[in-house]
Amino acid sequence: MPAPEAAAVAALPDATGVPVGEVPSLLPPREAVLVRLAEQLPATSGTTATLVVLGLMRRDDGRPVAGSTVARVTALLARSLRGEDWLGGSGPAEFVIVMSGAATGAEIAAQRLVAAVEGLGVPGLSAAAGLAPLTPDLTAGEALRRATVSLTAARRVGCGTVVQHRLPY
């Protein structure tokens, strides 16, 4: 899409009334993700939670994902999560979700989110996800590392894959 048309699309508001081009910038960055995890981890002794890292993938040419596409995915994820779930960013095309509940439920939710990304109909766009159960003995950095390692494994398997972290990795 030529630059003037891309700018016009980015200026259009989504269902929240926020211009589409600004949606990704509204996500808490990686530093805030680590703070949120540090706050959440001690609570996992009494209630279960799972960390999901969803990454966008290009099947066609491997180029970076367009900002307007990242904005559409951001809006999709924000609409798709429950009120008790938390959405943040981890990279230019990666999303971090702290989901309340066990890893089995988070895996099902992650599979649905990955399928919903493909359902957007953006040519060549797909997603994969990695997840890690949260426990009070983990540090925020280790929890994020486990979910990111799982995302890397899912990306290697291919588009549409969800991988749950397992020790010893």
C-alpha atoms as a PDB file:
ATOM      1  CA  MET A   1       0.000   0.000   0.000  1.00  0.00           C
ATOM      2  CA  PRO A   2       1.451   3.405  -0.934  1.00  0.00           C
ATOM      3  CA  ALA A   3       2.497   5.617   1.976  1.00  0.00           C
ATOM      4  CA  PRO A   4      -0.408   8.111   1.682  1.00  0.00           C
ATOM      5  CA  GLU A   5      -2.958   5.270   1.705  1.00  0.00           C
ATOM      6  CA  ALA A   6      -1.199   3.562   4.625  1.00  0.00           C
ATOM      7  CA  ALA A   7      -1.272   6.819   6.566  1.00  0.00           C
ATOM      8  CA  ALA A   8      -4.970   7.229   5.817  1.00  0.00           C
ATOM      9  CA  VAL A   9      -5.708   3.685   7.043  1.00  0.00           C
ATOM     10  CA  ALA A  10      -3.618   4.249  10.180  1.00  0.00           C
ATOM     11  CA  ALA A  11      -5.647   7.385  10.951  1.00  0.00           C
ATOM     12  CA  LEU A  12      -8.960   5.501  10.872  1.00  0.00           C
ATOM     13  CA  PRO A  13     -10.353   4.674  14.313  1.00  0.00           C
ATOM     14  CA  ASP A  14     -11.001   1.059  15.290  1.00  0.00           C
ATOM     15  CA  ALA A  15     -13.961  -0.044  17.424  1.00  0.00           C
ATOM     16  CA  THR A  16     -12.402   1.612  20.501  1.00  0.00           C
ATOM     17  CA  GLY A  17     -12.225   5.015  18.767  1.00  0.00           C
ATOM     18  CA  VAL A  18      -8.406   4.996  18.870  1.00  0.00           C
ATOM     19  CA  PRO A  19      -6.700   5.500  15.482  1.00  0.00           C
ATOM     20  CA  VAL A  20      -5.501   2.101  14.248  1.00  0.00           C
ATOM     21  CA  GLY A  21      -1.906   3.270  13.885  1.00  0.00           C
ATOM     22  CA  GLU A  22      -1.747   4.155  17.600  1.00  0.00           C
ATOM     23  CA  VAL A  23      -3.086   0.855  18.945  1.00  0.00           C
ATOM     24  CA  PRO A  24       0.294  -0.969  19.308  1.00  0.00           C
ATOM     25  CA  SER A  25       1.826   2.023  21.076  1.00  0.00           C
ATOM     26  CA  LEU A  26      -0.872   1.711  23.742  1.00  0.00           C
ATOM     27  CA  LEU A  27       0.488  -1.674  24.835  1.00  0.00           C
ATOM     28  CA  PRO A  28       2.731  -1.769  27.879  1.00  0.00           C
ATOM     29  CA  PRO A  29       6.331  -2.397  26.724  1.00  0.00           C
ATOM     30  CA  ARG A  30       8.616  -5.264  27.740  1.00  0.00           C
ATOM     31  CA  GLU A  31       9.802  -3.421  30.864  1.00  0.00           C
ATOM     32  CA  ALA A  32       6.199  -3.092  32.088  1.00  0.00           C
ATOM     33  CA  VAL A  33       5.643  -6.766  31.278  1.00  0.00           C
ATOM     34  CA  LEU A  34       8.494  -7.685  33.615  1.00  0.00           C
ATOM     35  CA  VAL A  35       7.049  -5.469  36.373  1.00  0.00           C
ATOM     36  CA  ARG A  36       3.602  -7.044  35.914  1.00  0.00           C
ATOM     37  CA  LEU A  37       5.088 -10.551  36.065  1.00  0.00           C
ATOM     38  CA  ALA A  38       7.052  -9.692  39.225  1.00  0.00           C
ATOM     39  CA  GLU A  39       3.770  -8.572  40.827  1.00  0.00           C
ATOM     40  CA  GLN A  40       1.802 -11.598  39.564  1.00  0.00           C
ATOM     41  CA  LEU A  41       4.252 -14.410  40.361  1.00  0.00           C
ATOM     42  CA  PRO A  42       3.863 -14.429  44.181  1.00  0.00           C
ATOM     43  CA  ALA A  43       0.079 -14.699  43.794  1.00  0.00           C
ATOM     44  CA  THR A  44       0.424 -17.918  41.797  1.00  0.00           C
ATOM     45  CA  SER A  45       0.857 -19.887  45.017  1.00  0.00           C
ATOM     46  CA  GLY A  46      -2.908 -19.548  45.535  1.00  0.00           C
ATOM     47  CA  THR A  47      -4.224 -19.150  41.998  1.00  0.00           C
ATOM     48  CA  THR A  48      -2.963 -20.428  38.664  1.00  0.00           C
ATOM     49  CA  ALA A  49      -1.789 -18.221  35.831  1.00  0.00           C
ATOM     50  CA  THR A  50      -0.009 -18.796  32.536  1.00  0.00           C
ATOM     51  CA  LEU A  51       2.201 -16.591  30.419  1.00  0.00           C
ATOM     52  CA  VAL A  52       1.592 -16.658  26.663  1.00  0.00           C
ATOM     53  CA  VAL A  53       3.868 -15.022  24.096  1.00  0.00           C
ATOM     54  CA  LEU A  54       2.199 -14.810  20.692  1.00  0.00           C
ATOM     55  CA  GLY A  55       4.409 -13.950  17.733  1.00  0.00           C
ATOM     56  CA  LEU A  56       3.374 -12.941  14.252  1.00  0.00           C
ATOM     57  CA  MET A  57       4.893 -14.774  11.290  1.00  0.00           C
ATOM     58  CA  ARG A  58       5.051 -14.067   7.572  1.00  0.00           C
ATOM     59  CA  ARG A  59       4.591 -17.129   5.374  1.00  0.00           C
ATOM     60  CA  ASP A  60       5.252 -15.368   2.098  1.00  0.00           C
ATOM     61  CA  ASP A  61       8.469 -13.377   2.141  1.00  0.00           C
ATOM     62  CA  GLY A  62       9.673 -13.134   5.731  1.00  0.00           C
ATOM     63  CA  ARG A  63       9.599  -9.327   5.707  1.00  0.00           C
ATOM     64  CA  PRO A  64       8.669  -7.454   8.883  1.00  0.00           C
ATOM     65  CA  VAL A  65       4.954  -7.240   9.566  1.00  0.00           C
ATOM     66  CA  ALA A  66       3.427  -3.886   8.581  1.00  0.00           C
ATOM     67  CA  GLY A  67       2.487  -1.511  11.397  1.00  0.00           C
ATOM     68  CA  SER A  68      -1.143  -1.429  10.255  1.00  0.00           C
ATOM     69  CA  THR A  69      -1.258  -5.228  10.509  1.00  0.00           C
ATOM     70  CA  VAL A  70       0.264  -5.170  13.999  1.00  0.00           C
ATOM     71  CA  ALA A  71      -2.422  -2.640  14.939  1.00  0.00           C
ATOM     72  CA  ARG A  72      -5.185  -4.942  13.637  1.00  0.00           C
ATOM     73  CA  VAL A  73      -3.764  -7.880  15.584  1.00  0.00           C
ATOM     74  CA  THR A  74      -3.432  -5.744  18.725  1.00  0.00           C
ATOM     75  CA  ALA A  75      -7.087  -4.739  18.482  1.00  0.00           C
ATOM     76  CA  LEU A  76      -8.096  -8.369  17.840  1.00  0.00           C
ATOM     77  CA  LEU A  77      -6.207  -9.612  20.893  1.00  0.00           C
ATOM     78  CA  ALA A  78      -7.550  -6.826  23.121  1.00  0.00           C
ATOM     79  CA  ARG A  79     -11.120  -7.694  22.103  1.00  0.00           C
ATOM     80  CA  SER A  80     -10.552 -11.430  22.533  1.00  0.00           C
ATOM     81  CA  LEU A  81      -9.168 -11.535  26.073  1.00  0.00           C
ATOM     82  CA  ARG A  82     -11.079 -11.787  29.331  1.00  0.00           C
ATOM     83  CA  GLY A  83     -11.171  -8.904  31.776  1.00  0.00           C
ATOM     84  CA  GLU A  84      -8.763 -10.602  34.181  1.00  0.00           C
ATOM     85  CA  ASP A  85      -6.175 -11.265  31.444  1.00  0.00           C
ATOM     86  CA  TRP A  86      -3.380  -8.766  30.770  1.00  0.00           C
ATOM     87  CA  LEU A  87      -1.932  -7.787  27.375  1.00  0.00           C
ATOM     88  CA  GLY A  88       1.480  -6.249  26.765  1.00  0.00           C
ATOM     89  CA  GLY A  89       4.159  -6.104  24.101  1.00  0.00           C
ATOM     90  CA  SER A  90       7.486  -7.885  23.944  1.00  0.00           C
ATOM     91  CA  GLY A  91       8.832  -6.948  20.535  1.00  0.00           C
ATOM     92  CA  PRO A  92       7.753  -5.378  17.258  1.00  0.00           C
ATOM     93  CA  ALA A  93       5.525  -8.352  16.391  1.00  0.00           C
ATOM     94  CA  GLU A  94       5.228 -10.178  19.721  1.00  0.00           C
ATOM     95  CA  PHE A  95       2.504  -9.943  22.321  1.00  0.00           C
ATOM     96  CA  VAL A  96       2.623 -11.035  25.958  1.00  0.00           C
ATOM     97  CA  ILE A  97      -0.543 -12.210  27.647  1.00  0.00           C
ATOM     98  CA  VAL A  98      -0.805 -13.057  31.337  1.00  0.00           C
ATOM     99  CA  MET A  99      -3.804 -15.387  31.500  1.00  0.00           C
ATOM    100  CA  SER A 100      -5.500 -16.406  34.698  1.00  0.00           C
ATOM    101  CA  GLY A 101      -6.006 -20.148  34.895  1.00  0.00           C
ATOM    102  CA  ALA A 102      -4.141 -23.347  34.224  1.00  0.00           C
ATOM    103  CA  ALA A 103      -1.850 -23.983  31.277  1.00  0.00           C
ATOM    104  CA  THR A 104      -4.354 -26.366  29.664  1.00  0.00           C
ATOM    105  CA  GLY A 105      -6.925 -23.586  29.365  1.00  0.00           C
ATOM    106  CA  ALA A 106      -4.298 -21.089  28.237  1.00  0.00           C
ATOM    107  CA  GLU A 107      -3.163 -23.512  25.537  1.00  0.00           C
ATOM    108  CA  ILE A 108      -6.694 -23.749  24.168  1.00  0.00           C
ATOM    109  CA  ALA A 109      -7.041 -19.959  24.292  1.00  0.00           C
ATOM    110  CA  ALA A 110      -3.672 -19.520  22.563  1.00  0.00           C
ATOM    111  CA  GLN A 111      -4.726 -21.913  19.784  1.00  0.00           C
ATOM    112  CA  ARG A 112      -7.888 -19.852  19.274  1.00  0.00           C
ATOM    113  CA  LEU A 113      -5.923 -16.593  19.215  1.00  0.00           C
ATOM    114  CA  VAL A 114      -3.434 -17.983  16.696  1.00  0.00           C
ATOM    115  CA  ALA A 115      -6.339 -19.132  14.494  1.00  0.00           C
ATOM    116  CA  ALA A 116      -8.020 -15.714  14.865  1.00  0.00           C
ATOM    117  CA  VAL A 117      -4.855 -13.986  13.618  1.00  0.00           C
ATOM    118  CA  GLU A 118      -4.914 -16.172  10.513  1.00  0.00           C
ATOM    119  CA  GLY A 119      -8.642 -15.419  10.207  1.00  0.00           C
ATOM    120  CA  LEU A 120      -7.918 -11.717   9.752  1.00  0.00           C
ATOM    121  CA  GLY A 121      -7.281 -12.526   6.100  1.00  0.00           C
ATOM    122  CA  VAL A 122      -3.996 -10.649   5.796  1.00  0.00           C
ATOM    123  CA  PRO A 123      -2.104 -12.380   2.968  1.00  0.00           C
ATOM    124  CA  GLY A 124       0.875 -14.346   4.270  1.00  0.00           C
ATOM    125  CA  LEU A 125       0.181 -13.560   7.945  1.00  0.00           C
ATOM    126  CA  SER A 126       0.175 -16.283  10.550  1.00  0.00           C
ATOM    127  CA  ALA A 127       1.085 -16.637  14.199  1.00  0.00           C
ATOM    128  CA  ALA A 128       2.575 -19.058  16.688  1.00  0.00           C
ATOM    129  CA  ALA A 129       2.592 -19.021  20.473  1.00  0.00           C
ATOM    130  CA  GLY A 130       4.637 -20.235  23.383  1.00  0.00           C
ATOM    131  CA  LEU A 131       3.375 -20.557  26.914  1.00  0.00           C
ATOM    132  CA  ALA A 132       4.772 -21.133  30.372  1.00  0.00           C
ATOM    133  CA  PRO A 133       2.866 -21.848  33.579  1.00  0.00           C
ATOM    134  CA  LEU A 134       3.620 -19.234  36.236  1.00  0.00           C
ATOM    135  CA  THR A 135       4.819 -20.357  39.653  1.00  0.00           C
ATOM    136  CA  PRO A 136       5.956 -18.323  42.669  1.00  0.00           C
ATOM    137  CA  ASP A 137       9.517 -19.700  42.492  1.00  0.00           C
ATOM    138  CA  LEU A 138      10.157 -18.089  39.079  1.00  0.00           C
ATOM    139  CA  THR A 139      11.612 -14.655  38.460  1.00  0.00           C
ATOM    140  CA  ALA A 140       9.881 -12.411  35.956  1.00  0.00           C
ATOM    141  CA  GLY A 141      12.824 -12.756  33.567  1.00  0.00           C
ATOM    142  CA  GLU A 142      12.804 -16.551  33.788  1.00  0.00           C
ATOM    143  CA  ALA A 143       9.039 -16.730  33.189  1.00  0.00           C
ATOM    144  CA  LEU A 144       9.375 -14.553  30.084  1.00  0.00           C
ATOM    145  CA  ARG A 145      12.398 -16.564  28.919  1.00  0.00           C
ATOM    146  CA  ARG A 146      10.455 -19.830  29.195  1.00  0.00           C
ATOM    147  CA  ALA A 147       7.516 -18.513  27.199  1.00  0.00           C
ATOM    148  CA  THR A 148       9.852 -16.994  24.595  1.00  0.00           C
ATOM    149  CA  VAL A 149      11.811 -20.258  24.227  1.00  0.00           C
ATOM    150  CA  SER A 150       8.492 -22.003  23.677  1.00  0.00           C
ATOM    151  CA  LEU A 151       7.528 -19.412  21.036  1.00  0.00           C
ATOM    152  CA  THR A 152      10.832 -20.032  19.268  1.00  0.00           C
ATOM    153  CA  ALA A 153      10.115 -23.781  19.253  1.00  0.00           C
ATOM    154  CA  ALA A 154       6.591 -23.143  17.940  1.00  0.00           C
ATOM    155  CA  ARG A 155       7.927 -20.939  15.134  1.00  0.00           C
ATOM    156  CA  ARG A 156      10.356 -23.681  14.127  1.00  0.00           C
ATOM    157  CA  VAL A 157       7.516 -26.205  13.905  1.00  0.00           C
ATOM    158  CA  GLY A 158       5.526 -23.808  11.742  1.00  0.00           C
ATOM    159  CA  CYS A 159       2.633 -21.422  11.450  1.00  0.00           C
ATOM    160  CA  GLY A 160      -0.324 -22.015  13.714  1.00  0.00           C
ATOM    161  CA  THR A 161       1.659 -23.923  16.346  1.00  0.00           C
ATOM    162  CA  VAL A 162       1.389 -23.523  20.121  1.00  0.00           C
ATOM    163  CA  VAL A 163       4.107 -24.995  22.373  1.00  0.00           C
ATOM    164  CA  GLN A 164       4.030 -25.235  26.152  1.00  0.00           C
ATOM    165  CA  HIS A 165       7.300 -24.922  28.065  1.00  0.00           C
ATOM    166  CA  ARG A 166       8.645 -28.102  29.573  1.00  0.00           C
ATOM    167  CA  LEU A 167      11.731 -28.498  31.726  1.00  0.00           C
ATOM    168  CA  PRO A 168      14.742 -28.785  31.360  1.00  0.00           C
ATOM    169  CA  TYR A 169      14.729 -25.899  28.852  1.00  0.00           C
END
